[in-house]
C-alpha atoms as a PDB file:
ATOM      1  CA  MET A   1     177.513 133.548 116.674  1.00  0.00           C
ATOM      2  CA  GLN A   2     179.871 131.453 115.197  1.00  0.00           C
ATOM      3  CA  ALA A   3     179.626 127.809 114.180  1.00  0.00           C
ATOM      4  CA  THR A   4     182.031 125.220 115.841  1.00  0.00           C
ATOM      5  CA  PRO A   5     184.454 123.742 113.479  1.00  0.00           C
ATOM      6  CA  LEU A   6     183.985 119.610 113.981  1.00  0.00           C
ATOM      7  CA  ALA A   7     188.050 118.851 114.865  1.00  0.00           C
ATOM      8  CA  ALA A   8     188.670 116.263 116.978  1.00  0.00           C
ATOM      9  CA  PRO A   9     189.620 116.628 120.416  1.00  0.00           C
ATOM     10  CA  ALA A  10     192.806 116.301 122.043  1.00  0.00           C
ATOM     11  CA  GLY A  11     193.628 113.195 124.343  1.00  0.00           C
ATOM     12  CA  PRO A  12     193.751 109.660 124.302  1.00  0.00           C
ATOM     13  CA  HIS A  13     190.835 108.032 123.016  1.00  0.00           C
ATOM     14  CA  SER A  14     188.939 105.609 124.731  1.00  0.00           C
ATOM     15  CA  ARG A  15     186.222 102.763 124.075  1.00  0.00           C
ATOM     16  CA  LYS A  16     185.205 101.844 127.315  1.00  0.00           C
ATOM     17  CA  LYS A  17     181.954 104.116 128.589  1.00  0.00           C
ATOM     18  CA  GLY A  18     180.192 105.258 131.303  1.00  0.00           C
ATOM     19  CA  LEU A  19     176.921 105.097 131.403  1.00  0.00           C
ATOM     20  CA  GLU A  20     173.916 107.529 132.706  1.00  0.00           C
ATOM     21  CA  SER A  21     170.006 106.868 132.464  1.00  0.00           C
ATOM     22  CA  SER A  22     167.947 109.716 130.694  1.00  0.00           C
ATOM     23  CA  ASP A  23     163.799 110.255 131.420  1.00  0.00           C
ATOM     24  CA  ASP A  24     163.092 111.963 127.725  1.00  0.00           C
ATOM     25  CA  LEU A  25     163.802 108.281 126.064  1.00  0.00           C
ATOM     26  CA  ASP A  26     162.083 106.094 123.215  1.00  0.00           C
ATOM     27  CA  THR A  27     159.618 103.995 123.833  1.00  0.00           C
ATOM     28  CA  ASP A  28     162.158 101.215 122.423  1.00  0.00           C
ATOM     29  CA  CYS A  29     165.203 101.993 123.947  1.00  0.00           C
ATOM     30  CA  PRO A  30     164.590 102.831 128.110  1.00  0.00           C
ATOM     31  CA  ILE A  31     168.550 103.912 128.166  1.00  0.00           C
ATOM     32  CA  VAL A  32     170.815 106.160 126.970  1.00  0.00           C
ATOM     33  CA  LYS A  33     174.693 105.528 126.938  1.00  0.00           C
ATOM     34  CA  ARG A  34     177.501 108.296 126.833  1.00  0.00           C
ATOM     35  CA  ALA A  35     181.525 108.215 126.354  1.00  0.00           C
ATOM     36  CA  ARG A  36     183.713 108.778 129.811  1.00  0.00           C
ATOM     37  CA  SER A  37     184.432 112.039 129.592  1.00  0.00           C
ATOM     38  CA  ARG A  38     187.924 113.928 128.351  1.00  0.00           C
ATOM     39  CA  PRO A  39     189.030 116.787 127.860  1.00  0.00           C
ATOM     40  CA  GLN A  40     186.224 118.841 125.439  1.00  0.00           C
ATOM     41  CA  PRO A  41     186.946 120.379 122.254  1.00  0.00           C
ATOM     42  CA  GLY A  42     187.329 124.062 122.638  1.00  0.00           C
ATOM     43  CA  LEU A  43     183.989 125.735 121.308  1.00  0.00           C
ATOM     44  CA  PRO A  44     183.258 129.022 120.858  1.00  0.00           C
ATOM     45  CA  THR A  45     181.537 131.345 123.516  1.00  0.00           C
ATOM     46  CA  CYS A  46     177.702 132.242 123.246  1.00  0.00           C
ATOM     47  CA  PRO A  47     177.322 136.120 122.923  1.00  0.00           C
ATOM     48  CA  LEU A  48     173.737 136.043 122.762  1.00  0.00           C
ATOM     49  CA  SER A  49     171.632 134.605 125.257  1.00  0.00           C
ATOM     50  CA  LEU A  50     168.157 133.011 124.314  1.00  0.00           C
ATOM     51  CA  SER A  51     165.271 134.950 123.700  1.00  0.00           C
ATOM     52  CA  PRO A  52     163.454 134.513 126.408  1.00  0.00           C
ATOM     53  CA  PRO A  53     165.637 133.432 129.133  1.00  0.00           C
ATOM     54  CA  PRO A  54     166.069 130.461 130.723  1.00  0.00           C
ATOM     55  CA  GLY A  55     163.527 129.666 133.681  1.00  0.00           C
ATOM     56  CA  PRO A  56     164.806 129.327 137.119  1.00  0.00           C
ATOM     57  CA  ASP A  57     166.576 125.706 138.327  1.00  0.00           C
ATOM     58  CA  GLY A  58     164.278 122.871 137.301  1.00  0.00           C
ATOM     59  CA  ALA A  59     162.831 124.516 134.394  1.00  0.00           C
ATOM     60  CA  PRO A  60     163.456 124.169 130.231  1.00  0.00           C
ATOM     61  CA  ALA A  61     166.718 125.800 129.311  1.00  0.00           C
ATOM     62  CA  ILE A  62     164.620 126.426 125.937  1.00  0.00           C
ATOM     63  CA  ALA A  63     161.520 128.036 125.947  1.00  0.00           C
ATOM     64  CA  PRO A  64     159.267 127.080 122.732  1.00  0.00           C
ATOM     65  CA  ALA A  65     160.004 130.145 120.018  1.00  0.00           C
ATOM     66  CA  SER A  66     163.463 131.390 121.623  1.00  0.00           C
ATOM     67  CA  GLN A  67     165.516 133.136 119.380  1.00  0.00           C
ATOM     68  CA  LEU A  68     169.321 131.606 119.399  1.00  0.00           C
ATOM     69  CA  GLY A  69     171.565 133.417 116.940  1.00  0.00           C
ATOM     70  CA  PRO A  70     170.091 133.445 113.415  1.00  0.00           C
ATOM     71  CA  TYR A  71     167.604 130.353 114.718  1.00  0.00           C
ATOM     72  CA  ILE A  72     163.853 130.280 116.308  1.00  0.00           C
ATOM     73  CA  LEU A  73     164.099 127.627 118.502  1.00  0.00           C
ATOM     74  CA  LEU A  74     160.396 125.976 118.048  1.00  0.00           C
ATOM     75  CA  GLU A  75     158.667 123.482 119.826  1.00  0.00           C
ATOM     76  CA  PRO A  76     160.544 120.319 121.151  1.00  0.00           C
ATOM     77  CA  GLU A  77     160.034 116.738 119.492  1.00  0.00           C
ATOM     78  CA  GLU A  78     159.657 113.680 120.544  1.00  0.00           C
ATOM     79  CA  GLY A  79     161.911 112.873 124.285  1.00  0.00           C
ATOM     80  CA  GLY A  80     162.250 117.065 124.426  1.00  0.00           C
ATOM     81  CA  ARG A  81     166.202 117.058 123.149  1.00  0.00           C
ATOM     82  CA  ALA A  82     165.321 117.513 119.536  1.00  0.00           C
ATOM     83  CA  HIS A  83     163.487 121.034 118.435  1.00  0.00           C
ATOM     84  CA  ARG A  84     162.326 122.644 115.135  1.00  0.00           C
ATOM     85  CA  ALA A  85     164.331 125.078 114.490  1.00  0.00           C
ATOM     86  CA  LEU A  86     163.969 128.250 111.932  1.00  0.00           C
ATOM     87  CA  HIS A  87     166.853 129.568 109.801  1.00  0.00           C
ATOM     88  CA  SER A  88     165.470 133.943 109.614  1.00  0.00           C
ATOM     89  CA  PRO A  89     167.813 134.519 106.770  1.00  0.00           C
ATOM     90  CA  THR A  90     166.580 131.885 104.596  1.00  0.00           C
ATOM     91  CA  GLY A  91     163.219 130.838 106.248  1.00  0.00           C
ATOM     92  CA  LEU A  92     165.068 126.573 106.281  1.00  0.00           C
ATOM     93  CA  GLU A  93     163.769 124.345 109.082  1.00  0.00           C
ATOM     94  CA  TYR A  94     165.985 122.730 110.810  1.00  0.00           C
ATOM     95  CA  THR A  95     166.611 119.754 113.713  1.00  0.00           C
ATOM     96  CA  CYS A  96     168.312 121.128 116.417  1.00  0.00           C
ATOM     97  CA  LYS A  97     169.730 118.728 119.203  1.00  0.00           C
ATOM     98  CA  VAL A  98     170.001 120.240 122.371  1.00  0.00           C
ATOM     99  CA  TYR A  99     173.169 118.816 125.047  1.00  0.00           C
ATOM    100  CA  PRO A 100     174.811 119.678 127.674  1.00  0.00           C
ATOM    101  CA  VAL A 101     177.718 121.542 127.503  1.00  0.00           C
ATOM    102  CA  CYS A 102     179.919 119.152 129.576  1.00  0.00           C
ATOM    103  CA  GLU A 103     179.024 116.301 126.264  1.00  0.00           C
ATOM    104  CA  ALA A 104     180.638 118.547 123.736  1.00  0.00           C
ATOM    105  CA  ARG A 105     183.299 115.949 123.586  1.00  0.00           C
ATOM    106  CA  SER A 106     181.139 112.530 123.188  1.00  0.00           C
ATOM    107  CA  VAL A 107     178.574 114.449 120.909  1.00  0.00           C
ATOM    108  CA  LEU A 108     181.754 115.585 118.231  1.00  0.00           C
ATOM    109  CA  GLU A 109     184.191 113.145 118.280  1.00  0.00           C
ATOM    110  CA  PRO A 110     182.554 110.911 116.159  1.00  0.00           C
ATOM    111  CA  TYR A 111     181.928 113.437 113.341  1.00  0.00           C
ATOM    112  CA  ALA A 112     185.516 114.145 113.750  1.00  0.00           C
ATOM    113  CA  GLN A 113     186.822 110.391 113.304  1.00  0.00           C
ATOM    114  CA  LEU A 114     184.358 109.773 110.412  1.00  0.00           C
ATOM    115  CA  PRO A 115     184.947 111.310 106.894  1.00  0.00           C
ATOM    116  CA  PRO A 116     181.966 112.380 105.205  1.00  0.00           C
ATOM    117  CA  SER A 117     179.770 110.316 103.453  1.00  0.00           C
ATOM    118  CA  GLN A 118     175.823 110.917 101.644  1.00  0.00           C
ATOM    119  CA  LEU A 119     174.534 108.568 104.044  1.00  0.00           C
ATOM    120  CA  VAL A 120     175.460 109.468 107.828  1.00  0.00           C
ATOM    121  CA  ALA A 121     173.894 113.259 108.649  1.00  0.00           C
ATOM    122  CA  ARG A 122     176.582 115.242 109.862  1.00  0.00           C
ATOM    123  CA  PRO A 123     175.789 119.030 111.760  1.00  0.00           C
ATOM    124  CA  VAL A 124     175.147 121.772 109.125  1.00  0.00           C
ATOM    125  CA  GLU A 125     176.337 123.905 112.013  1.00  0.00           C
ATOM    126  CA  VAL A 126     177.363 123.597 116.142  1.00  0.00           C
ATOM    127  CA  LEU A 127     176.246 126.674 118.402  1.00  0.00           C
ATOM    128  CA  ARG A 128     177.114 127.462 122.225  1.00  0.00           C
ATOM    129  CA  GLY A 129     175.176 128.856 124.263  1.00  0.00           C
ATOM    130  CA  PRO A 130     173.899 128.039 127.854  1.00  0.00           C
ATOM    131  CA  GLN A 131     173.547 123.885 126.007  1.00  0.00           C
ATOM    132  CA  LEU A 132     175.515 122.850 123.264  1.00  0.00           C
ATOM    133  CA  TYR A 133     173.007 123.250 119.936  1.00  0.00           C
ATOM    134  CA  VAL A 134     173.668 120.952 116.927  1.00  0.00           C
ATOM    135  CA  PHE A 135     171.817 121.872 114.106  1.00  0.00           C
ATOM    136  CA  PHE A 136     170.832 118.919 111.105  1.00  0.00           C
ATOM    137  CA  SER A 137     168.911 119.225 108.123  1.00  0.00           C
ATOM    138  CA  ARG A 138     165.112 118.593 108.425  1.00  0.00           C
ATOM    139  CA  THR A 139     164.269 114.851 107.248  1.00  0.00           C
ATOM    140  CA  CYS A 140     160.771 113.194 105.811  1.00  0.00           C
ATOM    141  CA  GLY A 141     160.158 110.490 108.356  1.00  0.00           C
ATOM    142  CA  ASP A 142     162.264 107.484 109.519  1.00  0.00           C
ATOM    143  CA  MET A 143     161.959 103.479 109.024  1.00  0.00           C
ATOM    144  CA  HIS A 144     159.990 103.056 111.949  1.00  0.00           C
ATOM    145  CA  SER A 145     156.767 105.149 110.832  1.00  0.00           C
ATOM    146  CA  LEU A 146     157.251 103.583 107.258  1.00  0.00           C
ATOM    147  CA  VAL A 147     156.815 100.250 108.638  1.00  0.00           C
ATOM    148  CA  ARG A 148     154.681 100.933 111.220  1.00  0.00           C
ATOM    149  CA  ARG A 149     151.984 102.315 108.319  1.00  0.00           C
ATOM    150  CA  ARG A 150     152.965 100.508 105.362  1.00  0.00           C
ATOM    151  CA  ARG A 151     152.985  96.739 107.725  1.00  0.00           C
ATOM    152  CA  ARG A 152     155.688  94.968 105.651  1.00  0.00           C
ATOM    153  CA  ILE A 153     158.031  96.075 102.879  1.00  0.00           C
ATOM    154  CA  PRO A 154     158.183  94.643  99.924  1.00  0.00           C
ATOM    155  CA  GLU A 155     161.627  92.517  98.963  1.00  0.00           C
ATOM    156  CA  PRO A 156     162.524  94.468  96.019  1.00  0.00           C
ATOM    157  CA  GLU A 157     161.935  97.700  98.167  1.00  0.00           C
ATOM    158  CA  ALA A 158     163.325  96.371 101.390  1.00  0.00           C
ATOM    159  CA  ALA A 159     165.955  95.456  99.488  1.00  0.00           C
ATOM    160  CA  ALA A 160     166.904  98.464  97.874  1.00  0.00           C
ATOM    161  CA  LEU A 161     166.456 100.686 101.801  1.00  0.00           C
ATOM    162  CA  PHE A 162     168.406  97.934 103.389  1.00  0.00           C
ATOM    163  CA  ARG A 163     170.994  98.059 101.215  1.00  0.00           C
ATOM    164  CA  GLN A 164     171.252 101.967 102.085  1.00  0.00           C
ATOM    165  CA  MET A 165     171.532 100.692 106.026  1.00  0.00           C
ATOM    166  CA  ALA A 166     173.665  98.405 105.565  1.00  0.00           C
ATOM    167  CA  THR A 167     176.322 100.717 103.519  1.00  0.00           C
ATOM    168  CA  ALA A 168     175.845 103.639 105.990  1.00  0.00           C
ATOM    169  CA  VAL A 169     177.031 100.879 108.988  1.00  0.00           C
ATOM    170  CA  ALA A 170     179.648  99.669 107.034  1.00  0.00           C
ATOM    171  CA  HIS A 171     180.997 103.191 106.235  1.00  0.00           C
ATOM    172  CA  CYS A 172     180.764 103.792 110.268  1.00  0.00           C
ATOM    173  CA  HIS A 173     182.577 100.357 111.208  1.00  0.00           C
ATOM    174  CA  GLN A 174     185.149 101.025 108.510  1.00  0.00           C
ATOM    175  CA  HIS A 175     186.681 104.428 110.077  1.00  0.00           C
ATOM    176  CA  GLY A 176     186.155 102.966 113.518  1.00  0.00           C
ATOM    177  CA  LEU A 177     182.716 103.479 114.958  1.00  0.00           C
ATOM    178  CA  VAL A 178     180.516 101.041 116.649  1.00  0.00           C
ATOM    179  CA  LEU A 179     177.178 102.966 116.806  1.00  0.00           C
ATOM    180  CA  ARG A 180     175.197 100.653 119.194  1.00  0.00           C
ATOM    181  CA  ASP A 181     172.307 101.717 120.127  1.00  0.00           C
ATOM    182  CA  LEU A 182     170.879 100.797 116.079  1.00  0.00           C
ATOM    183  CA  LYS A 183     167.334 100.682 115.085  1.00  0.00           C
ATOM    184  CA  LEU A 184     164.547 101.957 112.668  1.00  0.00           C
ATOM    185  CA  ARG A 185     164.208 104.817 114.178  1.00  0.00           C
ATOM    186  CA  ARG A 186     167.547 106.103 113.320  1.00  0.00           C
ATOM    187  CA  PHE A 187     167.449 105.956 109.489  1.00  0.00           C
ATOM    188  CA  VAL A 188     165.456 108.612 108.274  1.00  0.00           C
ATOM    189  CA  PHE A 189     164.273 109.678 104.812  1.00  0.00           C
ATOM    190  CA  THR A 190     166.293 112.480 102.663  1.00  0.00           C
ATOM    191  CA  ASN A 191     163.530 112.928 100.100  1.00  0.00           C
ATOM    192  CA  TRP A 192     159.725 112.615  99.906  1.00  0.00           C
ATOM    193  CA  GLU A 193     159.674 109.823  98.224  1.00  0.00           C
ATOM    194  CA  ARG A 194     161.012 107.854 100.737  1.00  0.00           C
ATOM    195  CA  THR A 195     164.018 105.743  98.892  1.00  0.00           C
ATOM    196  CA  LYS A 196     166.822 107.800 100.465  1.00  0.00           C
ATOM    197  CA  LEU A 197     167.816 106.799 104.045  1.00  0.00           C
ATOM    198  CA  VAL A 198     170.404 108.341 106.072  1.00  0.00           C
ATOM    199  CA  LEU A 199     172.075 107.477 109.281  1.00  0.00           C
ATOM    200  CA  GLU A 200     169.730 110.339 111.670  1.00  0.00           C
ATOM    201  CA  ASN A 201     173.392 110.858 113.700  1.00  0.00           C
ATOM    202  CA  LEU A 202     176.218 109.526 116.000  1.00  0.00           C
ATOM    203  CA  GLU A 203     174.457 110.134 119.234  1.00  0.00           C
ATOM    204  CA  ASP A 204     175.783 107.097 120.766  1.00  0.00           C
ATOM    205  CA  ALA A 205     178.526 106.087 118.970  1.00  0.00           C
ATOM    206  CA  CYS A 206     181.621 104.557 120.455  1.00  0.00           C
ATOM    207  CA  VAL A 207     185.354 105.834 118.823  1.00  0.00           C
ATOM    208  CA  LEU A 208     187.210 102.426 118.743  1.00  0.00           C
ATOM    209  CA  THR A 209     191.165 103.368 118.751  1.00  0.00           C
ATOM    210  CA  GLY A 210     192.369  99.850 117.249  1.00  0.00           C
ATOM    211  CA  PRO A 211     191.444  96.856 115.958  1.00  0.00           C
ATOM    212  CA  ASP A 212     189.646  95.551 119.409  1.00  0.00           C
ATOM    213  CA  ASP A 213     185.780  96.120 119.348  1.00  0.00           C
ATOM    214  CA  SER A 214     185.292  95.008 122.457  1.00  0.00           C
ATOM    215  CA  LEU A 215     182.650  96.750 124.838  1.00  0.00           C
ATOM    216  CA  ARG A 216     181.580  96.708 128.559  1.00  0.00           C
ATOM    217  CA  ASP A 217     178.680  98.349 128.289  1.00  0.00           C
ATOM    218  CA  LYS A 218     175.429  95.830 128.939  1.00  0.00           C
ATOM    219  CA  HIS A 219     172.324  98.521 128.419  1.00  0.00           C
ATOM    220  CA  ALA A 220     170.884  98.615 124.729  1.00  0.00           C
ATOM    221  CA  CYS A 221     167.297  98.648 122.938  1.00  0.00           C
ATOM    222  CA  PRO A 222     165.044  95.817 123.936  1.00  0.00           C
ATOM    223  CA  ALA A 223     163.809  94.932 121.178  1.00  0.00           C
ATOM    224  CA  TYR A 224     167.182  95.238 119.276  1.00  0.00           C
ATOM    225  CA  VAL A 225     169.907  94.311 122.034  1.00  0.00           C
ATOM    226  CA  GLY A 226     171.768  91.019 120.936  1.00  0.00           C
ATOM    227  CA  PRO A 227     171.646  87.953 122.974  1.00  0.00           C
ATOM    228  CA  GLU A 228     175.678  88.684 124.440  1.00  0.00           C
ATOM    229  CA  ILE A 229     174.325  91.244 125.676  1.00  0.00           C
ATOM    230  CA  LEU A 230     172.251  89.868 127.575  1.00  0.00           C
ATOM    231  CA  SER A 231     174.954  87.264 128.735  1.00  0.00           C
ATOM    232  CA  SER A 232     177.146  87.272 131.638  1.00  0.00           C
ATOM    233  CA  ARG A 233     180.384  87.638 129.300  1.00  0.00           C
ATOM    234  CA  THR A 234     182.289  90.820 130.727  1.00  0.00           C
ATOM    235  CA  SER A 235     182.465  92.087 127.175  1.00  0.00           C
ATOM    236  CA  TYR A 236     181.106  91.670 123.702  1.00  0.00           C
ATOM    237  CA  SER A 237     181.785  92.633 119.898  1.00  0.00           C
ATOM    238  CA  GLY A 238     179.913  96.105 119.520  1.00  0.00           C
ATOM    239  CA  LYS A 239     180.511  95.609 115.556  1.00  0.00           C
ATOM    240  CA  ALA A 240     178.574  92.137 116.128  1.00  0.00           C
ATOM    241  CA  ALA A 241     176.153  93.794 118.178  1.00  0.00           C
ATOM    242  CA  ASP A 242     175.572  96.187 115.611  1.00  0.00           C
ATOM    243  CA  ILE A 243     175.127  93.467 112.884  1.00  0.00           C
ATOM    244  CA  TRP A 244     172.606  91.818 115.417  1.00  0.00           C
ATOM    245  CA  SER A 245     170.206  95.110 115.771  1.00  0.00           C
ATOM    246  CA  LEU A 246     170.435  95.317 111.478  1.00  0.00           C
ATOM    247  CA  GLY A 247     169.126  91.840 111.658  1.00  0.00           C
ATOM    248  CA  VAL A 248     166.312  92.969 113.742  1.00  0.00           C
ATOM    249  CA  ALA A 249     165.751  95.985 112.053  1.00  0.00           C
ATOM    250  CA  LEU A 250     165.651  93.895 108.358  1.00  0.00           C
ATOM    251  CA  PHE A 251     162.980  91.291 109.758  1.00  0.00           C
ATOM    252  CA  THR A 252     160.809  93.647 111.128  1.00  0.00           C
ATOM    253  CA  MET A 253     160.823  95.426 107.379  1.00  0.00           C
ATOM    254  CA  LEU A 254     160.020  91.751 105.408  1.00  0.00           C
ATOM    255  CA  ALA A 255     157.544  90.549 108.483  1.00  0.00           C
ATOM    256  CA  GLY A 256     156.103  93.840 110.102  1.00  0.00           C
ATOM    257  CA  HIS A 257     156.335  92.921 113.730  1.00  0.00           C
ATOM    258  CA  TYR A 258     160.119  92.614 115.866  1.00  0.00           C
ATOM    259  CA  PRO A 259     161.594  88.889 115.833  1.00  0.00           C
ATOM    260  CA  PHE A 260     161.236  88.294 119.795  1.00  0.00           C
ATOM    261  CA  GLN A 261     158.380  90.444 121.219  1.00  0.00           C
ATOM    262  CA  ASP A 262     156.873  90.227 124.638  1.00  0.00           C
ATOM    263  CA  SER A 263     154.937  92.425 126.560  1.00  0.00           C
ATOM    264  CA  GLU A 264     157.370  91.442 130.006  1.00  0.00           C
ATOM    265  CA  PRO A 265     161.084  92.451 129.916  1.00  0.00           C
ATOM    266  CA  ILE A 266     162.212  89.106 130.969  1.00  0.00           C
ATOM    267  CA  LEU A 267     160.372  86.928 128.875  1.00  0.00           C
ATOM    268  CA  LEU A 268     161.008  89.142 126.043  1.00  0.00           C
ATOM    269  CA  PHE A 269     165.002  88.964 127.005  1.00  0.00           C
ATOM    270  CA  GLY A 270     164.283  84.875 127.424  1.00  0.00           C
ATOM    271  CA  LYS A 271     163.230  84.086 123.959  1.00  0.00           C
ATOM    272  CA  ILE A 272     166.273  86.849 122.534  1.00  0.00           C
ATOM    273  CA  ARG A 273     168.705  84.187 124.474  1.00  0.00           C
ATOM    274  CA  ARG A 274     166.951  81.611 123.083  1.00  0.00           C
ATOM    275  CA  GLY A 275     167.079  82.935 119.515  1.00  0.00           C
ATOM    276  CA  ALA A 276     164.152  81.931 117.848  1.00  0.00           C
ATOM    277  CA  PHE A 277     162.165  82.915 115.303  1.00  0.00           C
ATOM    278  CA  ALA A 278     159.858  82.026 112.859  1.00  0.00           C
ATOM    279  CA  LEU A 279     159.905  83.633 109.067  1.00  0.00           C
ATOM    280  CA  PRO A 280     157.495  84.385 106.911  1.00  0.00           C
ATOM    281  CA  GLU A 281     156.637  81.661 104.758  1.00  0.00           C
ATOM    282  CA  ASP A 282     156.713  83.925 101.474  1.00  0.00           C
ATOM    283  CA  LEU A 283     160.068  85.454 102.163  1.00  0.00           C
ATOM    284  CA  SER A 284     162.536  84.609  99.246  1.00  0.00           C
ATOM    285  CA  ALA A 285     165.384  81.525 100.196  1.00  0.00           C
ATOM    286  CA  PRO A 286     168.194  84.797  99.870  1.00  0.00           C
ATOM    287  CA  ALA A 287     166.110  86.910 102.240  1.00  0.00           C
ATOM    288  CA  ARG A 288     165.709  84.498 104.565  1.00  0.00           C
ATOM    289  CA  CYS A 289     169.123  83.532 104.346  1.00  0.00           C
ATOM    290  CA  LEU A 290     170.421  86.980 105.238  1.00  0.00           C
ATOM    291  CA  VAL A 291     167.850  87.367 108.076  1.00  0.00           C
ATOM    292  CA  ARG A 292     169.975  84.258 109.647  1.00  0.00           C
ATOM    293  CA  CYS A 293     173.108  85.305 108.819  1.00  0.00           C
ATOM    294  CA  LEU A 294     172.247  88.233 110.796  1.00  0.00           C
ATOM    295  CA  LEU A 295     170.270  86.661 113.935  1.00  0.00           C
ATOM    296  CA  ARG A 296     172.662  84.327 114.386  1.00  0.00           C
ATOM    297  CA  ARG A 297     173.243  83.993 118.498  1.00  0.00           C
ATOM    298  CA  GLU A 298     177.197  83.596 118.387  1.00  0.00           C
ATOM    299  CA  PRO A 299     178.476  86.868 117.458  1.00  0.00           C
ATOM    300  CA  ALA A 300     181.805  85.598 115.356  1.00  0.00           C
ATOM    301  CA  GLU A 301     178.903  83.291 112.738  1.00  0.00           C
ATOM    302  CA  ARG A 302     176.851  87.363 111.982  1.00  0.00           C
ATOM    303  CA  LEU A 303     178.217  88.516 109.265  1.00  0.00           C
ATOM    304  CA  THR A 304     180.130  91.697 108.877  1.00  0.00           C
ATOM    305  CA  ALA A 305     178.693  94.542 107.291  1.00  0.00           C
ATOM    306  CA  LEU A 306     180.959  94.600 104.500  1.00  0.00           C
ATOM    307  CA  GLY A 307     179.698  90.911 104.001  1.00  0.00           C
ATOM    308  CA  ILE A 308     176.165  91.499 104.052  1.00  0.00           C
ATOM    309  CA  LEU A 309     176.991  93.553 100.909  1.00  0.00           C
ATOM    310  CA  LEU A 310     178.088  90.603  99.154  1.00  0.00           C
ATOM    311  CA  HIS A 311     175.140  88.743  99.884  1.00  0.00           C
ATOM    312  CA  PRO A 312     172.989  87.819  96.657  1.00  0.00           C
ATOM    313  CA  TRP A 313     169.955  88.989  97.900  1.00  0.00           C
ATOM    314  CA  LEU A 314     171.163  92.692  97.990  1.00  0.00           C
ATOM    315  CA  ARG A 315     173.466  91.988  94.966  1.00  0.00           C
ATOM    316  CA  ASP A 316     171.402  90.359  92.864  1.00  0.00           C
ATOM    317  CA  ASP A 317     168.038  91.870  91.471  1.00  0.00           C
ATOM    318  CA  PRO A 318     165.671  91.503  94.077  1.00  0.00           C
ATOM    319  CA  ILE A 319     162.749  91.336  91.347  1.00  0.00           C
ATOM    320  CA  ARG A 320     164.060  88.118  91.054  1.00  0.00           C
ATOM    321  CA  LEU A 321     163.584  87.039  94.484  1.00  0.00           C
ATOM    322  CA  VAL A 322     160.191  87.359  95.133  1.00  0.00           C
ATOM    323  CA  PRO A 323     157.827  84.551  95.114  1.00  0.00           C
ATOM    324  CA  SER A 324     154.728  84.298  92.978  1.00  0.00           C
ATOM    325  CA  ARG A 325     152.055  84.264  95.625  1.00  0.00           C
ATOM    326  CA  SER A 326     150.789  87.401  97.224  1.00  0.00           C
ATOM    327  CA  GLY A 327     152.352  87.653 100.130  1.00  0.00           C
ATOM    328  CA  HIS A 328     150.479  87.835 104.252  1.00  0.00           C
ATOM    329  CA  CYS A 329     149.764  90.734 105.988  1.00  0.00           C
ATOM    330  CA  GLU A 330     148.774  89.974 109.184  1.00  0.00           C
ATOM    331  CA  ALA A 331     147.028  92.828 111.258  1.00  0.00           C
ATOM    332  CA  ASP A 332     149.092  91.928 114.436  1.00  0.00           C
ATOM    333  CA  GLN A 333     152.281  92.322 112.134  1.00  0.00           C
ATOM    334  CA  VAL A 334     152.566  96.142 113.015  1.00  0.00           C
ATOM    335  CA  VAL A 335     155.587  97.745 114.666  1.00  0.00           C
ATOM    336  CA  PRO A 336     154.954  98.595 118.571  1.00  0.00           C
ATOM    337  CA  ASP A 337     154.482 101.981 119.325  1.00  0.00           C
ATOM    338  CA  GLY A 338     154.715 102.687 122.381  1.00  0.00           C
ATOM    339  CA  PRO A 339     155.493 100.954 126.034  1.00  0.00           C
ATOM    340  CA  ARG A 340     153.499  97.624 125.091  1.00  0.00           C
ATOM    341  CA  LEU A 341     155.240  95.432 122.533  1.00  0.00           C
ATOM    342  CA  GLU A 342     152.963  93.204 120.745  1.00  0.00           C
ATOM    343  CA  GLU A 343     152.273  89.628 121.691  1.00  0.00           C
ATOM    344  CA  ALA A 344     154.972  86.993 119.852  1.00  0.00           C
ATOM    345  CA  GLU A 345     153.949  84.417 117.351  1.00  0.00           C
ATOM    346  CA  GLU A 346     154.519  80.748 118.343  1.00  0.00           C
ATOM    347  CA  GLU A 347     157.845  79.855 118.904  1.00  0.00           C
ATOM    348  CA  VAL A 348     159.486  77.734 117.451  1.00  0.00           C
ATOM    349  CA  GLY A 349     161.706  74.361 116.898  1.00  0.00           C
ATOM    350  CA  GLU A 350     165.366  74.377 116.345  1.00  0.00           C
ATOM    351  CA  GLY A 351     164.799  73.721 112.826  1.00  0.00           C
ATOM    352  CA  GLU A 352     163.466  77.224 112.050  1.00  0.00           C
ATOM    353  CA  LEU A 353     167.152  78.257 112.715  1.00  0.00           C
ATOM    354  CA  SER A 354     169.477  76.227 110.022  1.00  0.00           C
ATOM    355  CA  LEU A 355     171.194  78.389 107.973  1.00  0.00           C
ATOM    356  CA  TYR A 356     171.130  78.114 104.310  1.00  0.00           C
ATOM    357  CA  GLY A 357     174.640  77.171 102.919  1.00  0.00           C
END
């Protein structure tokens, strides 16, 4: 079995994508988005079949401990699309993402578009069998799990981690990719000290063909969706929507809960449209400023990804930005895990939305 080269497929690019629903979903993202199909990049045929072979129609294509070339595919992870994989010759563990072969173009095209970066994970091998098997290096947990466990991340640590997140997004935006579906789960650690982050994959990325980043896709993760996506606008800026999602991620890292929360989607979306949120009182002024510059209701007023990296909170020594008084760590300030979102704190008036100069 041969590895698939990540070469750009032939054919014109398109920035508008069709949608399809998926049943194996993250709890905070009920819609998985796919690009409109085009001619598939050439992939080598797989001379080997899985052992044991796939079951009848309707059965999973992969059974636990199945053999695929030099890899042994183990039990599926959360959502069913990712599997632990053991590389037999070396004994190293990998994560294998499994896709229908018809999705090969939408899966591989973003990697062909994006120059390599230490902050964006890339496949180590791509194999074609009954389905498309994309292998990634194993990671050491994700930001969502870290925030759930720690509740709030101290400002110096949050600044160091968020700087890596913003740099990864800036690299993608600079080279014509809108990431969409950005959330804390998408950023994973590459070391057990949990100091080095990478963007897990480019699974839902949209490849742009020019400076216009307008999208018509109206689906996104509820906790991270921007107000413009919930509006009646026919299109919206994909890059600005990514920035809003980054703002939600930063708020959650600093506060320990989402800025907009409700157990009912309609009420949640209403809070997002109003854009009212309450920042913890013990945050430094630069940290509060950056959050407000990302969570602006008007997309054109938000910072760009490159602009985030120039903000004083990320440029200055973050240790000097932390107030001397101890921070609060309320018991209810936990990132929700599961279909239920924690009840939001009391909404504040328009005065809380004022921005620092």
